[in-house]
């Protein structure tokens, strides 16, 4: 009588542990993707800022304004 109940409880515990581990792995992968995406956006903003500074130094204010607009859209 108790053996089937014990087996059922053991299977339930294994299933709950497996689902919990899968959720933790999924969360970790999402965090990694978010971090990579954030680094990519930061690199893009830095590159646009450098281009804007270079255009301003050249005296090309129209290009500097375009870079500034792109930078605002990226952020």
N, C-alpha and C. Protein backbone atom coordinates (compact mmCIF):
# COMPACT_ATOMS: atom_id res chain seq x y z
N UNK A 1 0.82 -1.19 0.00
CA UNK A 1 0.00 0.00 0.00
C UNK A 1 0.86 1.25 0.00
N UNK A 2 1.89 1.26 0.80
CA UNK A 2 2.72 2.47 0.88
C UNK A 2 3.74 2.55 -0.25
N UNK A 3 4.10 1.43 -0.86
CA UNK A 3 5.10 1.46 -1.93
C UNK A 3 4.61 2.24 -3.15
N UNK A 4 3.40 2.05 -3.64
CA UNK A 4 2.95 2.85 -4.78
C UNK A 4 2.87 4.35 -4.44
N UNK A 5 2.44 4.64 -3.22
CA UNK A 5 2.36 6.04 -2.80
C UNK A 5 3.75 6.66 -2.71
N UNK A 6 4.70 5.89 -2.21
CA UNK A 6 6.08 6.37 -2.11
C UNK A 6 6.68 6.58 -3.50
N UNK A 7 6.42 5.66 -4.41
CA UNK A 7 6.91 5.79 -5.78
C UNK A 7 6.31 7.02 -6.45
N UNK A 8 5.02 7.24 -6.25
CA UNK A 8 4.35 8.41 -6.83
C UNK A 8 4.93 9.70 -6.26
N UNK A 9 5.18 9.75 -4.97
CA UNK A 9 5.76 10.94 -4.34
C UNK A 9 7.18 11.18 -4.85
N UNK A 10 7.94 10.12 -5.04
CA UNK A 10 9.30 10.25 -5.55
C UNK A 10 9.30 10.78 -6.98
N UNK A 11 8.40 10.27 -7.80
CA UNK A 11 8.28 10.77 -9.18
C UNK A 11 7.87 12.25 -9.20
N UNK A 12 6.97 12.63 -8.31
CA UNK A 12 6.55 14.04 -8.22
C UNK A 12 7.70 14.94 -7.81
N UNK A 13 8.50 14.48 -6.85
CA UNK A 13 9.65 15.27 -6.41
C UNK A 13 10.68 15.41 -7.52
N UNK A 14 10.91 14.34 -8.27
CA UNK A 14 11.86 14.39 -9.39
C UNK A 14 11.35 15.36 -10.46
N UNK A 15 10.05 15.31 -10.76
CA UNK A 15 9.48 16.21 -11.77
C UNK A 15 9.58 17.66 -11.32
N UNK A 16 9.28 17.93 -10.06
CA UNK A 16 9.36 19.30 -9.55
C UNK A 16 10.79 19.81 -9.59
N UNK A 17 11.75 18.98 -9.24
CA UNK A 17 13.16 19.38 -9.27
C UNK A 17 13.60 19.65 -10.71
N UNK A 18 13.20 18.80 -11.63
CA UNK A 18 13.57 18.98 -13.04
C UNK A 18 13.00 20.28 -13.60
N UNK A 19 11.75 20.54 -13.29
CA UNK A 19 11.13 21.79 -13.77
C UNK A 19 11.82 23.00 -13.16
N UNK A 20 12.14 22.94 -11.89
CA UNK A 20 12.84 24.04 -11.24
C UNK A 20 14.20 24.29 -11.85
N UNK A 21 14.95 23.23 -12.13
CA UNK A 21 16.27 23.38 -12.77
C UNK A 21 16.14 23.98 -14.17
N UNK A 22 15.14 23.55 -14.91
CA UNK A 22 14.93 24.08 -16.26
C UNK A 22 14.60 25.57 -16.21
N UNK A 23 13.82 25.99 -15.23
CA UNK A 23 13.48 27.41 -15.10
C UNK A 23 14.71 28.24 -14.73
N UNK A 24 15.55 27.70 -13.87
CA UNK A 24 16.78 28.42 -13.49
C UNK A 24 17.70 28.57 -14.69
N UNK A 25 17.87 27.51 -15.47
CA UNK A 25 18.71 27.58 -16.66
C UNK A 25 18.14 28.58 -17.66
N UNK A 26 16.84 28.57 -17.85
CA UNK A 26 16.20 29.52 -18.76
C UNK A 26 16.42 30.96 -18.30
N UNK A 27 16.30 31.19 -17.01
CA UNK A 27 16.52 32.54 -16.46
C UNK A 27 17.96 32.98 -16.68
N UNK A 28 18.91 32.07 -16.46
CA UNK A 28 20.32 32.42 -16.65
C UNK A 28 20.62 32.74 -18.12
N UNK A 29 20.04 32.00 -19.03
CA UNK A 29 20.24 32.27 -20.46
C UNK A 29 19.64 33.62 -20.85
N UNK A 30 18.48 33.94 -20.30
CA UNK A 30 17.86 35.24 -20.58
C UNK A 30 18.73 36.38 -20.07
N UNK A 31 19.31 36.22 -18.89
CA UNK A 31 20.19 37.25 -18.35
C UNK A 31 21.41 37.45 -19.24
N UNK A 32 21.97 36.34 -19.74
CA UNK A 32 23.14 36.43 -20.60
C UNK A 32 22.79 37.16 -21.89
N UNK A 33 21.63 36.87 -22.47
CA UNK A 33 21.19 37.56 -23.68
C UNK A 33 20.99 39.05 -23.43
N UNK A 34 20.39 39.39 -22.30
CA UNK A 34 20.18 40.79 -21.96
C UNK A 34 21.49 41.53 -21.79
N UNK A 35 22.47 40.89 -21.15
CA UNK A 35 23.77 41.52 -20.95
C UNK A 35 24.46 41.75 -22.28
N UNK A 36 24.40 40.77 -23.18
CA UNK A 36 25.03 40.92 -24.49
C UNK A 36 24.35 42.02 -25.29
N UNK A 37 23.04 42.09 -25.21
CA UNK A 37 22.30 43.13 -25.92
C UNK A 37 22.65 44.51 -25.38
N UNK A 38 22.78 44.62 -24.07
CA UNK A 38 23.12 45.90 -23.45
C UNK A 38 24.52 46.34 -23.87
N UNK A 39 25.47 45.42 -23.89
CA UNK A 39 26.83 45.75 -24.31
C UNK A 39 26.85 46.21 -25.76
N UNK A 40 26.05 45.56 -26.60
CA UNK A 40 25.98 45.94 -28.00
C UNK A 40 25.44 47.36 -28.16
N UNK A 41 24.38 47.67 -27.42
CA UNK A 41 23.81 49.02 -27.49
C UNK A 41 24.79 50.07 -26.98
N UNK A 42 25.50 49.74 -25.89
CA UNK A 42 26.48 50.69 -25.35
C UNK A 42 27.60 50.94 -26.35
N UNK A 43 28.06 49.89 -27.02
CA UNK A 43 29.12 50.05 -28.02
C UNK A 43 28.64 50.90 -29.19
N UNK A 44 27.39 50.72 -29.58
CA UNK A 44 26.83 51.51 -30.67
C UNK A 44 26.76 52.99 -30.29
N UNK A 45 26.31 53.29 -29.08
CA UNK A 45 26.22 54.67 -28.63
C UNK A 45 27.60 55.31 -28.56
N UNK A 46 28.59 54.57 -28.08
CA UNK A 46 29.95 55.10 -28.00
C UNK A 46 30.50 55.38 -29.38
N UNK A 47 30.27 54.47 -30.33
CA UNK A 47 30.76 54.68 -31.70
C UNK A 47 30.10 55.90 -32.33
N UNK A 48 28.81 56.06 -32.12
CA UNK A 48 28.12 57.23 -32.67
C UNK A 48 28.61 58.52 -32.02
N UNK A 49 28.90 58.48 -30.74
CA UNK A 49 29.40 59.67 -30.06
C UNK A 49 30.77 60.06 -30.61
N UNK A 50 31.62 59.07 -30.84
CA UNK A 50 32.95 59.35 -31.41
C UNK A 50 32.82 59.93 -32.81
N UNK A 51 31.90 59.37 -33.59
CA UNK A 51 31.69 59.88 -34.95
C UNK A 51 31.16 61.31 -34.91
N UNK A 52 30.28 61.58 -33.95
CA UNK A 52 29.74 62.94 -33.81
C UNK A 52 30.84 63.93 -33.44
N UNK A 53 31.71 63.54 -32.53
CA UNK A 53 32.82 64.41 -32.13
C UNK A 53 33.76 64.66 -33.31
N UNK A 54 34.06 63.60 -34.07
CA UNK A 54 34.94 63.75 -35.23
C UNK A 54 34.31 64.67 -36.28
N UNK A 55 33.00 64.54 -36.51
CA UNK A 55 32.32 65.39 -37.48
C UNK A 55 32.31 66.84 -37.01
N UNK A 56 32.14 67.05 -35.71
CA UNK A 56 32.15 68.40 -35.18
C UNK A 56 33.53 69.03 -35.33
N UNK A 57 34.57 68.26 -35.09
CA UNK A 57 35.93 68.78 -35.24
C UNK A 57 36.23 69.13 -36.70
N UNK A 58 35.66 68.35 -37.63
CA UNK A 58 35.86 68.65 -39.06
C UNK A 58 35.04 69.87 -39.48
N UNK A 59 34.08 70.25 -38.68
CA UNK A 59 33.22 71.38 -39.03
C UNK A 59 31.99 70.94 -39.80
N UNK A 60 31.75 69.66 -39.91
CA UNK A 60 30.59 69.13 -40.62
C UNK A 60 29.43 69.02 -39.63
N UNK A 61 28.76 70.13 -39.41
CA UNK A 61 27.71 70.16 -38.40
C UNK A 61 26.47 69.37 -38.80
N UNK A 62 26.22 69.26 -40.11
CA UNK A 62 25.08 68.48 -40.57
C UNK A 62 25.29 66.99 -40.24
N UNK A 63 26.49 66.50 -40.49
CA UNK A 63 26.79 65.09 -40.15
C UNK A 63 26.74 64.90 -38.64
N UNK A 64 27.23 65.87 -37.88
CA UNK A 64 27.20 65.77 -36.43
C UNK A 64 25.76 65.69 -35.93
N UNK A 65 24.88 66.46 -36.54
CA UNK A 65 23.47 66.42 -36.16
C UNK A 65 22.85 65.07 -36.49
N UNK A 66 23.23 64.50 -37.65
CA UNK A 66 22.72 63.17 -38.02
C UNK A 66 23.18 62.12 -37.02
N UNK A 67 24.45 62.18 -36.64
CA UNK A 67 24.96 61.22 -35.67
C UNK A 67 24.26 61.38 -34.31
N UNK A 68 24.00 62.62 -33.95
CA UNK A 68 23.30 62.86 -32.68
C UNK A 68 21.89 62.26 -32.71
N UNK A 69 21.20 62.40 -33.84
CA UNK A 69 19.87 61.82 -33.97
C UNK A 69 19.92 60.30 -33.90
N UNK A 70 20.91 59.70 -34.57
CA UNK A 70 21.06 58.24 -34.51
C UNK A 70 21.36 57.78 -33.10
N UNK A 71 22.15 58.56 -32.40
CA UNK A 71 22.52 58.21 -31.03
C UNK A 71 21.29 58.24 -30.12
N UNK A 72 20.41 59.23 -30.32
CA UNK A 72 19.19 59.31 -29.52
C UNK A 72 18.28 58.13 -29.79
N UNK A 73 18.21 57.69 -31.07
CA UNK A 73 17.37 56.54 -31.41
C UNK A 73 17.93 55.25 -30.83
N UNK A 74 19.26 55.15 -30.76
CA UNK A 74 19.90 53.93 -30.25
C UNK A 74 19.74 53.80 -28.74
N UNK A 75 19.69 54.90 -28.05
CA UNK A 75 19.63 54.84 -26.58
C UNK A 75 18.27 54.58 -26.07
